[in-house]
Amino acid sequence: MSVDAVTVRKIAHLARIKVNDADVPHLQQELNAILTFVEQLSAVDIEGVEPLTSVMPMPMAKREDVVTDGGIPDAIVANAPVSEDRFFVVPKVVE
């Protein structure tokens, strides 16, 4: 895949980045170099390679998956301008 000048301008627009016309050719080369590198990565054989969480072999730290209310509902709404029965009170937006 190759990136042209129009695509560079479109990417800049989507990213909300102002790009001068003089910078477009340089950015085009940079983006093409990145895409070439990504294509090279897809050629690497990763069959049988397990994902890593760290370079040192160690078990992943896990916590029990339990739904709670946090145990501190009064503290959560303590700084709210208006609260009622441990809920935030907000102005109605949609009618």
PDB file of N, CA and C in Angstrom:
ATOM      1  N   MET A   1       0.849  -1.175   0.000  1.00  0.00           N
ATOM      2  CA  MET A   1       0.000   0.000   0.000  1.00  0.00           C
ATOM      3  C   MET A   1       0.895   1.238   0.000  1.00  0.00           C
ATOM      4  N   SER A   2       0.486   2.221  -0.754  1.00  0.00           N
ATOM      5  CA  SER A   2       1.260   3.447  -0.846  1.00  0.00           C
ATOM      6  C   SER A   2       0.352   4.631  -0.534  1.00  0.00           C
ATOM      7  N   VAL A   3       0.892   5.605   0.163  1.00  0.00           N
ATOM      8  CA  VAL A   3       0.138   6.790   0.550  1.00  0.00           C
ATOM      9  C   VAL A   3       0.490   7.921  -0.404  1.00  0.00           C
ATOM     10  N   ASP A   4      -0.523   8.576  -0.964  1.00  0.00           N
ATOM     11  CA  ASP A   4      -0.276   9.722  -1.836  1.00  0.00           C
ATOM     12  C   ASP A   4      -0.529  11.020  -1.067  1.00  0.00           C
ATOM     13  N   ALA A   5      -0.296  12.155  -1.717  1.00  0.00           N
ATOM     14  CA  ALA A   5      -0.422  13.460  -1.063  1.00  0.00           C
ATOM     15  C   ALA A   5      -1.851  13.726  -0.599  1.00  0.00           C
ATOM     16  N   VAL A   6      -2.819  13.277  -1.379  1.00  0.00           N
ATOM     17  CA  VAL A   6      -4.227  13.484  -0.996  1.00  0.00           C
ATOM     18  C   VAL A   6      -4.536  12.720   0.290  1.00  0.00           C
ATOM     19  N   THR A   7      -4.021  11.514   0.390  1.00  0.00           N
ATOM     20  CA  THR A   7      -4.241  10.711   1.592  1.00  0.00           C
ATOM     21  C   THR A   7      -3.565  11.334   2.812  1.00  0.00           C
ATOM     22  N   VAL A   8      -2.375  11.899   2.614  1.00  0.00           N
ATOM     23  CA  VAL A   8      -1.682  12.573   3.717  1.00  0.00           C
ATOM     24  C   VAL A   8      -2.536  13.731   4.230  1.00  0.00           C
ATOM     25  N   ARG A   9      -3.092  14.513   3.326  1.00  0.00           N
ATOM     26  CA  ARG A   9      -3.943  15.641   3.740  1.00  0.00           C
ATOM     27  C   ARG A   9      -5.205  15.149   4.451  1.00  0.00           C
ATOM     28  N   LYS A  10      -5.766  14.046   3.964  1.00  0.00           N
ATOM     29  CA  LYS A  10      -6.970  13.493   4.589  1.00  0.00           C
ATOM     30  C   LYS A  10      -6.661  12.986   5.998  1.00  0.00           C
ATOM     31  N   ILE A  11      -5.527  12.298   6.160  1.00  0.00           N
ATOM     32  CA  ILE A  11      -5.119  11.811   7.482  1.00  0.00           C
ATOM     33  C   ILE A  11      -4.902  12.989   8.429  1.00  0.00           C
ATOM     34  N   ALA A  12      -4.248  14.026   7.933  1.00  0.00           N
ATOM     35  CA  ALA A  12      -4.012  15.220   8.756  1.00  0.00           C
ATOM     36  C   ALA A  12      -5.333  15.857   9.167  1.00  0.00           C
ATOM     37  N   HIS A  13      -6.276  15.909   8.241  1.00  0.00           N
ATOM     38  CA  HIS A  13      -7.594  16.484   8.561  1.00  0.00           C
ATOM     39  C   HIS A  13      -8.300  15.655   9.625  1.00  0.00           C
ATOM     40  N   LEU A  14      -8.283  14.333   9.466  1.00  0.00           N
ATOM     41  CA  LEU A  14      -8.940  13.459  10.442  1.00  0.00           C
ATOM     42  C   LEU A  14      -8.282  13.542  11.814  1.00  0.00           C
ATOM     43  N   ALA A  15      -6.959  13.754  11.827  1.00  0.00           N
ATOM     44  CA  ALA A  15      -6.227  13.857  13.087  1.00  0.00           C
ATOM     45  C   ALA A  15      -6.249  15.278  13.641  1.00  0.00           C
ATOM     46  N   ARG A  16      -6.888  16.158  12.920  1.00  0.00           N
ATOM     47  CA  ARG A  16      -6.980  17.580  13.324  1.00  0.00           C
ATOM     48  C   ARG A  16      -5.589  18.198  13.471  1.00  0.00           C
ATOM     49  N   ILE A  17      -4.718  17.890  12.489  1.00  0.00           N
ATOM     50  CA  ILE A  17      -3.360  18.421  12.489  1.00  0.00           C
ATOM     51  C   ILE A  17      -3.216  19.331  11.284  1.00  0.00           C
ATOM     52  N   LYS A  18      -2.718  20.534  11.515  1.00  0.00           N
ATOM     53  CA  LYS A  18      -2.478  21.460  10.418  1.00  0.00           C
ATOM     54  C   LYS A  18      -1.152  21.094   9.756  1.00  0.00           C
ATOM     55  N   VAL A  19      -1.196  20.841   8.451  1.00  0.00           N
ATOM     56  CA  VAL A  19      -0.006  20.451   7.705  1.00  0.00           C
ATOM     57  C   VAL A  19       0.201  21.447   6.568  1.00  0.00           C
ATOM     58  N   ASN A  20       1.386  22.019   6.526  1.00  0.00           N
ATOM     59  CA  ASN A  20       1.734  22.921   5.430  1.00  0.00           C
ATOM     60  C   ASN A  20       1.981  22.115   4.163  1.00  0.00           C
ATOM     61  N   ASP A  21       1.748  22.733   3.001  1.00  0.00           N
ATOM     62  CA  ASP A  21       1.967  22.048   1.736  1.00  0.00           C
ATOM     63  C   ASP A  21       3.412  21.590   1.578  1.00  0.00           C
ATOM     64  N   ALA A  22       4.335  22.343   2.150  1.00  0.00           N
ATOM     65  CA  ALA A  22       5.757  21.976   2.041  1.00  0.00           C
ATOM     66  C   ALA A  22       6.080  20.711   2.838  1.00  0.00           C
ATOM     67  N   ASP A  23       5.293  20.402   3.846  1.00  0.00           N
ATOM     68  CA  ASP A  23       5.544  19.233   4.697  1.00  0.00           C
ATOM     69  C   ASP A  23       4.921  17.946   4.153  1.00  0.00           C
ATOM     70  N   VAL A  24       4.014  18.069   3.197  1.00  0.00           N
ATOM     71  CA  VAL A  24       3.290  16.902   2.695  1.00  0.00           C
ATOM     72  C   VAL A  24       4.218  15.841   2.104  1.00  0.00           C
ATOM     73  N   PRO A  25       5.183  16.200   1.227  1.00  0.00           N
ATOM     74  CA  PRO A  25       6.056  15.138   0.677  1.00  0.00           C
ATOM     75  C   PRO A  25       6.848  14.393   1.752  1.00  0.00           C
ATOM     76  N   HIS A  26       7.336  15.119   2.760  1.00  0.00           N
ATOM     77  CA  HIS A  26       8.087  14.467   3.841  1.00  0.00           C
ATOM     78  C   HIS A  26       7.180  13.519   4.623  1.00  0.00           C
ATOM     79  N   LEU A  27       5.979  13.959   4.952  1.00  0.00           N
ATOM     80  CA  LEU A  27       5.038  13.106   5.688  1.00  0.00           C
ATOM     81  C   LEU A  27       4.626  11.902   4.851  1.00  0.00           C
ATOM     82  N   GLN A  28       4.516  12.111   3.548  1.00  0.00           N
ATOM     83  CA  GLN A  28       4.175  11.001   2.655  1.00  0.00           C
ATOM     84  C   GLN A  28       5.255   9.931   2.719  1.00  0.00           C
ATOM     85  N   GLN A  29       6.517  10.337   2.681  1.00  0.00           N
ATOM     86  CA  GLN A  29       7.618   9.382   2.786  1.00  0.00           C
ATOM     87  C   GLN A  29       7.604   8.672   4.140  1.00  0.00           C
ATOM     88  N   GLU A  30       7.352   9.424   5.204  1.00  0.00           N
ATOM     89  CA  GLU A  30       7.320   8.828   6.550  1.00  0.00           C
ATOM     90  C   GLU A  30       6.210   7.788   6.670  1.00  0.00           C
ATOM     91  N   LEU A  31       5.023   8.128   6.204  1.00  0.00           N
ATOM     92  CA  LEU A  31       3.902   7.188   6.289  1.00  0.00           C
ATOM     93  C   LEU A  31       4.158   5.949   5.439  1.00  0.00           C
ATOM     94  N   ASN A  32       4.737   6.131   4.264  1.00  0.00           N
ATOM     95  CA  ASN A  32       5.057   4.977   3.422  1.00  0.00           C
ATOM     96  C   ASN A  32       6.107   4.095   4.086  1.00  0.00           C
ATOM     97  N   ALA A  33       7.076   4.693   4.771  1.00  0.00           N
ATOM     98  CA  ALA A  33       8.092   3.909   5.485  1.00  0.00           C
ATOM     99  C   ALA A  33       7.448   3.105   6.618  1.00  0.00           C
ATOM    100  N   ILE A  34       6.508   3.719   7.328  1.00  0.00           N
ATOM    101  CA  ILE A  34       5.813   3.018   8.411  1.00  0.00           C
ATOM    102  C   ILE A  34       5.021   1.832   7.855  1.00  0.00           C
ATOM    103  N   LEU A  35       4.302   2.056   6.768  1.00  0.00           N
ATOM    104  CA  LEU A  35       3.509   0.978   6.170  1.00  0.00           C
ATOM    105  C   LEU A  35       4.402  -0.145   5.638  1.00  0.00           C
ATOM    106  N   THR A  36       5.549   0.201   5.098  1.00  0.00           N
ATOM    107  CA  THR A  36       6.487  -0.817   4.632  1.00  0.00           C
ATOM    108  C   THR A  36       6.973  -1.664   5.803  1.00  0.00           C
ATOM    109  N   PHE A  37       7.262  -1.019   6.925  1.00  0.00           N
ATOM    110  CA  PHE A  37       7.698  -1.757   8.109  1.00  0.00           C
ATOM    111  C   PHE A  37       6.598  -2.689   8.610  1.00  0.00           C
ATOM    112  N   VAL A  38       5.354  -2.213   8.622  1.00  0.00           N
ATOM    113  CA  VAL A  38       4.239  -3.053   9.070  1.00  0.00           C
ATOM    114  C   VAL A  38       4.077  -4.253   8.142  1.00  0.00           C
ATOM    115  N   GLU A  39       4.254  -4.050   6.849  1.00  0.00           N
ATOM    116  CA  GLU A  39       4.180  -5.172   5.908  1.00  0.00           C
ATOM    117  C   GLU A  39       5.286  -6.186   6.178  1.00  0.00           C
ATOM    118  N   GLN A  40       6.464  -5.711   6.546  1.00  0.00           N
ATOM    119  CA  GLN A  40       7.558  -6.622   6.890  1.00  0.00           C
ATOM    120  C   GLN A  40       7.214  -7.434   8.132  1.00  0.00           C
ATOM    121  N   LEU A  41       6.546  -6.814   9.095  1.00  0.00           N
ATOM    122  CA  LEU A  41       6.161  -7.536  10.312  1.00  0.00           C
ATOM    123  C   LEU A  41       5.172  -8.656  10.014  1.00  0.00           C
ATOM    124  N   SER A  42       4.312  -8.453   9.030  1.00  0.00           N
ATOM    125  CA  SER A  42       3.326  -9.488   8.716  1.00  0.00           C
ATOM    126  C   SER A  42       3.987 -10.721   8.109  1.00  0.00           C
ATOM    127  N   ALA A  43       5.225 -10.600   7.656  1.00  0.00           N
ATOM    128  CA  ALA A  43       5.942 -11.740   7.083  1.00  0.00           C
ATOM    129  C   ALA A  43       6.602 -12.613   8.153  1.00  0.00           C
ATOM    130  N   VAL A  44       6.638 -12.145   9.391  1.00  0.00           N
ATOM    131  CA  VAL A  44       7.287 -12.893  10.470  1.00  0.00           C
ATOM    132  C   VAL A  44       6.410 -14.075  10.876  1.00  0.00           C
ATOM    133  N   ASP A  45       7.018 -15.238  11.004  1.00  0.00           N
ATOM    134  CA  ASP A  45       6.300 -16.444  11.419  1.00  0.00           C
ATOM    135  C   ASP A  45       6.164 -16.436  12.943  1.00  0.00           C
ATOM    136  N   ILE A  46       4.951 -16.303  13.428  1.00  0.00           N
ATOM    137  CA  ILE A  46       4.706 -16.269  14.874  1.00  0.00           C
ATOM    138  C   ILE A  46       3.940 -17.511  15.339  1.00  0.00           C
ATOM    139  N   GLU A  47       3.915 -18.529  14.508  1.00  0.00           N
ATOM    140  CA  GLU A  47       3.219 -19.765  14.861  1.00  0.00           C
ATOM    141  C   GLU A  47       3.844 -20.370  16.110  1.00  0.00           C
ATOM    142  N   GLY A  48       3.034 -20.633  17.125  1.00  0.00           N
ATOM    143  CA  GLY A  48       3.506 -21.254  18.352  1.00  0.00           C
ATOM    144  C   GLY A  48       4.120 -20.297  19.350  1.00  0.00           C
ATOM    145  N   VAL A  49       4.167 -19.011  19.055  1.00  0.00           N
ATOM    146  CA  VAL A  49       4.726 -18.026  19.983  1.00  0.00           C
ATOM    147  C   VAL A  49       3.593 -17.494  20.854  1.00  0.00           C
ATOM    148  N   GLU A  50       3.748 -17.664  22.159  1.00  0.00           N
ATOM    149  CA  GLU A  50       2.707 -17.209  23.078  1.00  0.00           C
ATOM    150  C   GLU A  50       2.857 -15.717  23.359  1.00  0.00           C
ATOM    151  N   PRO A  51       1.742 -15.022  23.565  1.00  0.00           N
ATOM    152  CA  PRO A  51       1.819 -13.588  23.895  1.00  0.00           C
ATOM    153  C   PRO A  51       2.526 -13.364  25.228  1.00  0.00           C
ATOM    154  N   LEU A  52       3.200 -12.242  25.361  1.00  0.00           N
ATOM    155  CA  LEU A  52       3.931 -11.916  26.580  1.00  0.00           C
ATOM    156  C   LEU A  52       3.238 -10.796  27.348  1.00  0.00           C
ATOM    157  N   THR A  53       3.271 -10.890  28.662  1.00  0.00           N
ATOM    158  CA  THR A  53       2.867  -9.766  29.495  1.00  0.00           C
ATOM    159  C   THR A  53       4.088  -9.061  30.049  1.00  0.00           C
ATOM    160  N   SER A  54       5.237  -9.741  29.964  1.00  0.00           N
ATOM    161  CA  SER A  54       6.501  -9.204  30.466  1.00  0.00           C
ATOM    162  C   SER A  54       7.635  -9.995  29.821  1.00  0.00           C
ATOM    163  N   VAL A  55       8.813  -9.407  29.803  1.00  0.00           N
ATOM    164  CA  VAL A  55       9.962 -10.147  29.278  1.00  0.00           C
ATOM    165  C   VAL A  55      10.439 -11.199  30.263  1.00  0.00           C
ATOM    166  N   MET A  56      10.057 -11.069  31.515  1.00  0.00           N
ATOM    167  CA  MET A  56      10.379 -12.059  32.537  1.00  0.00           C
ATOM    168  C   MET A  56       9.171 -12.984  32.688  1.00  0.00           C
ATOM    169  N   PRO A  57       9.381 -14.290  32.678  1.00  0.00           N
ATOM    170  CA  PRO A  57       8.252 -15.195  32.838  1.00  0.00           C
ATOM    171  C   PRO A  57       7.665 -15.094  34.249  1.00  0.00           C
ATOM    172  N   MET A  58       6.424 -14.692  34.317  1.00  0.00           N
ATOM    173  CA  MET A  58       5.729 -14.582  35.601  1.00  0.00           C
ATOM    174  C   MET A  58       4.233 -14.666  35.355  1.00  0.00           C
ATOM    175  N   PRO A  59       3.501 -15.161  36.329  1.00  0.00           N
ATOM    176  CA  PRO A  59       2.042 -15.222  36.152  1.00  0.00           C
ATOM    177  C   PRO A  59       1.448 -13.811  36.210  1.00  0.00           C
ATOM    178  N   MET A  60       0.387 -13.618  35.454  1.00  0.00           N
ATOM    179  CA  MET A  60      -0.281 -12.329  35.444  1.00  0.00           C
ATOM    180  C   MET A  60      -1.045 -12.137  36.756  1.00  0.00           C
ATOM    181  N   ALA A  61      -0.894 -10.963  37.350  1.00  0.00           N
ATOM    182  CA  ALA A  61      -1.623 -10.671  38.585  1.00  0.00           C
ATOM    183  C   ALA A  61      -3.104 -10.527  38.246  1.00  0.00           C
ATOM    184  N   LYS A  62      -3.926 -11.250  38.973  1.00  0.00           N
ATOM    185  CA  LYS A  62      -5.370 -11.221  38.712  1.00  0.00           C
ATOM    186  C   LYS A  62      -6.102 -10.920  39.999  1.00  0.00           C
ATOM    187  N   ARG A  63      -7.270 -10.356  39.833  1.00  0.00           N
ATOM    188  CA  ARG A  63      -8.131 -10.124  40.982  1.00  0.00           C
ATOM    189  C   ARG A  63      -9.449 -10.830  40.740  1.00  0.00           C
ATOM    190  N   GLU A  64     -10.169 -11.075  41.803  1.00  0.00           N
ATOM    191  CA  GLU A  64     -11.463 -11.728  41.677  1.00  0.00           C
ATOM    192  C   GLU A  64     -12.424 -10.796  40.955  1.00  0.00           C
ATOM    193  N   ASP A  65     -13.157 -11.317  39.982  1.00  0.00           N
ATOM    194  CA  ASP A  65     -14.084 -10.528  39.191  1.00  0.00           C
ATOM    195  C   ASP A  65     -15.442 -10.502  39.889  1.00  0.00           C
ATOM    196  N   VAL A  66     -15.622  -9.511  40.760  1.00  0.00           N
ATOM    197  CA  VAL A  66     -16.834  -9.409  41.549  1.00  0.00           C
ATOM    198  C   VAL A  66     -17.415  -8.011  41.364  1.00  0.00           C
ATOM    199  N   VAL A  67     -18.715  -7.945  41.127  1.00  0.00           N
ATOM    200  CA  VAL A  67     -19.392  -6.659  41.002  1.00  0.00           C
ATOM    201  C   VAL A  67     -19.746  -6.159  42.396  1.00  0.00           C
ATOM    202  N   THR A  68     -19.324  -4.934  42.709  1.00  0.00           N
ATOM    203  CA  THR A  68     -19.656  -4.325  44.002  1.00  0.00           C
ATOM    204  C   THR A  68     -20.132  -2.899  43.759  1.00  0.00           C
ATOM    205  N   ASP A  69     -20.663  -2.293  44.797  1.00  0.00           N
ATOM    206  CA  ASP A  69     -21.065  -0.895  44.691  1.00  0.00           C
ATOM    207  C   ASP A  69     -19.925   0.034  45.107  1.00  0.00           C
ATOM    208  N   GLY A  70     -18.777  -0.520  45.368  1.00  0.00           N
ATOM    209  CA  GLY A  70     -17.626   0.269  45.783  1.00  0.00           C
ATOM    210  C   GLY A  70     -17.527   0.388  47.285  1.00  0.00           C
ATOM    211  N   GLY A  71     -18.637   0.182  47.984  1.00  0.00           N
ATOM    212  CA  GLY A  71     -18.627   0.228  49.437  1.00  0.00           C
ATOM    213  C   GLY A  71     -18.536   1.623  50.031  1.00  0.00           C
ATOM    214  N   ILE A  72     -18.475   2.642  49.199  1.00  0.00           N
ATOM    215  CA  ILE A  72     -18.351   4.012  49.721  1.00  0.00           C
ATOM    216  C   ILE A  72     -19.289   4.971  48.977  1.00  0.00           C
ATOM    217  N   PRO A  73     -20.570   4.620  48.839  1.00  0.00           N
ATOM    218  CA  PRO A  73     -21.465   5.495  48.060  1.00  0.00           C
ATOM    219  C   PRO A  73     -21.590   6.899  48.651  1.00  0.00           C
ATOM    220  N   ASP A  74     -21.549   7.033  49.959  1.00  0.00           N
ATOM    221  CA  ASP A  74     -21.657   8.367  50.565  1.00  0.00           C
ATOM    222  C   ASP A  74     -20.438   9.227  50.218  1.00  0.00           C
ATOM    223  N   ALA A  75     -19.270   8.620  50.205  1.00  0.00           N
ATOM    224  CA  ALA A  75     -18.050   9.363  49.865  1.00  0.00           C
ATOM    225  C   ALA A  75     -18.042   9.755  48.393  1.00  0.00           C
ATOM    226  N   ILE A  76     -18.629   8.911  47.544  1.00  0.00           N
ATOM    227  CA  ILE A  76     -18.638   9.199  46.105  1.00  0.00           C
ATOM    228  C   ILE A  76     -19.472  10.433  45.806  1.00  0.00           C
ATOM    229  N   VAL A  77     -20.623  10.571  46.445  1.00  0.00           N
ATOM    230  CA  VAL A  77     -21.495  11.723  46.165  1.00  0.00           C
ATOM    231  C   VAL A  77     -21.273  12.883  47.137  1.00  0.00           C
ATOM    232  N   ALA A  78     -20.269  12.797  47.984  1.00  0.00           N
ATOM    233  CA  ALA A  78     -20.038  13.829  48.999  1.00  0.00           C
ATOM    234  C   ALA A  78     -19.786  15.198  48.384  1.00  0.00           C
ATOM    235  N   ASN A  79     -19.085  15.282  47.272  1.00  0.00           N
ATOM    236  CA  ASN A  79     -18.776  16.571  46.657  1.00  0.00           C
ATOM    237  C   ASN A  79     -19.759  16.977  45.569  1.00  0.00           C
ATOM    238  N   ALA A  80     -20.792  16.190  45.347  1.00  0.00           N
ATOM    239  CA  ALA A  80     -21.779  16.530  44.322  1.00  0.00           C
ATOM    240  C   ALA A  80     -22.582  17.745  44.768  1.00  0.00           C
ATOM    241  N   PRO A  81     -22.866  18.670  43.841  1.00  0.00           N
ATOM    242  CA  PRO A  81     -23.675  19.828  44.210  1.00  0.00           C
ATOM    243  C   PRO A  81     -25.059  19.428  44.732  1.00  0.00           C
ATOM    244  N   VAL A  82     -25.654  18.396  44.082  1.00  0.00           N
ATOM    245  CA  VAL A  82     -26.967  17.916  44.507  1.00  0.00           C
ATOM    246  C   VAL A  82     -26.961  16.391  44.400  1.00  0.00           C
ATOM    247  N   SER A  83     -27.392  15.719  45.454  1.00  0.00           N
ATOM    248  CA  SER A  83     -27.521  14.265  45.410  1.00  0.00           C
ATOM    249  C   SER A  83     -28.774  13.865  46.169  1.00  0.00           C
ATOM    250  N   GLU A  84     -29.276  12.678  45.820  1.00  0.00           N
ATOM    251  CA  GLU A  84     -30.483  12.174  46.467  1.00  0.00           C
ATOM    252  C   GLU A  84     -30.405  10.655  46.517  1.00  0.00           C
ATOM    253  N   ASP A  85     -30.548  10.086  47.692  1.00  0.00           N
ATOM    254  CA  ASP A  85     -30.482   8.636  47.896  1.00  0.00           C
ATOM    255  C   ASP A  85     -29.219   8.029  47.268  1.00  0.00           C
ATOM    256  N   ARG A  86     -28.073   8.673  47.489  1.00  0.00           N
ATOM    257  CA  ARG A  86     -26.770   8.209  47.001  1.00  0.00           C
ATOM    258  C   ARG A  86     -26.647   8.224  45.479  1.00  0.00           C
ATOM    259  N   PHE A  87     -27.447   9.051  44.807  1.00  0.00           N
ATOM    260  CA  PHE A  87     -27.358   9.237  43.363  1.00  0.00           C
ATOM    261  C   PHE A  87     -27.085  10.704  43.068  1.00  0.00           C
ATOM    262  N   PHE A  88     -26.412  10.968  41.954  1.00  0.00           N
ATOM    263  CA  PHE A  88     -26.202  12.334  41.501  1.00  0.00           C
ATOM    264  C   PHE A  88     -27.503  12.861  40.910  1.00  0.00           C
ATOM    265  N   VAL A  89     -27.834  14.095  41.208  1.00  0.00           N
ATOM    266  CA  VAL A  89     -28.998  14.744  40.614  1.00  0.00           C
ATOM    267  C   VAL A  89     -28.465  15.733  39.579  1.00  0.00           C
ATOM    268  N   VAL A  90     -28.914  15.544  38.316  1.00  0.00           N
ATOM    269  CA  VAL A  90     -28.458  16.407  37.235  1.00  0.00           C
ATOM    270  C   VAL A  90     -29.663  17.023  36.549  1.00  0.00           C
ATOM    271  N   PRO A  91     -29.456  18.155  35.871  1.00  0.00           N
ATOM    272  CA  PRO A  91     -30.585  18.766  35.165  1.00  0.00           C
ATOM    273  C   PRO A  91     -31.044  17.887  33.989  1.00  0.00           C
ATOM    274  N   LYS A  92     -32.329  17.933  33.717  1.00  0.00           N
ATOM    275  CA  LYS A  92     -32.876  17.165  32.612  1.00  0.00           C
ATOM    276  C   LYS A  92     -32.394  17.774  31.301  1.00  0.00           C
ATOM    277  N   VAL A  93     -31.861  16.948  30.410  1.00  0.00           N
ATOM    278  CA  VAL A  93     -31.316  17.438  29.151  1.00  0.00           C
ATOM    279  C   VAL A  93     -32.240  17.097  27.984  1.00  0.00           C
ATOM    280  N   VAL A  94     -32.777  15.884  27.981  1.00  0.00           N
ATOM    281  CA  VAL A  94     -33.655  15.430  26.898  1.00  0.00           C
ATOM    282  C   VAL A  94     -35.087  15.411  27.410  1.00  0.00           C
ATOM    283  N   GLU A  95     -35.948  15.944  26.607  1.00  0.00           N
ATOM    284  CA  GLU A  95     -37.367  15.966  27.010  1.00  0.00           C
ATOM    285  C   GLU A  95     -38.167  14.922  26.280  1.00  0.00           C
TER     286      GLU A  95
END
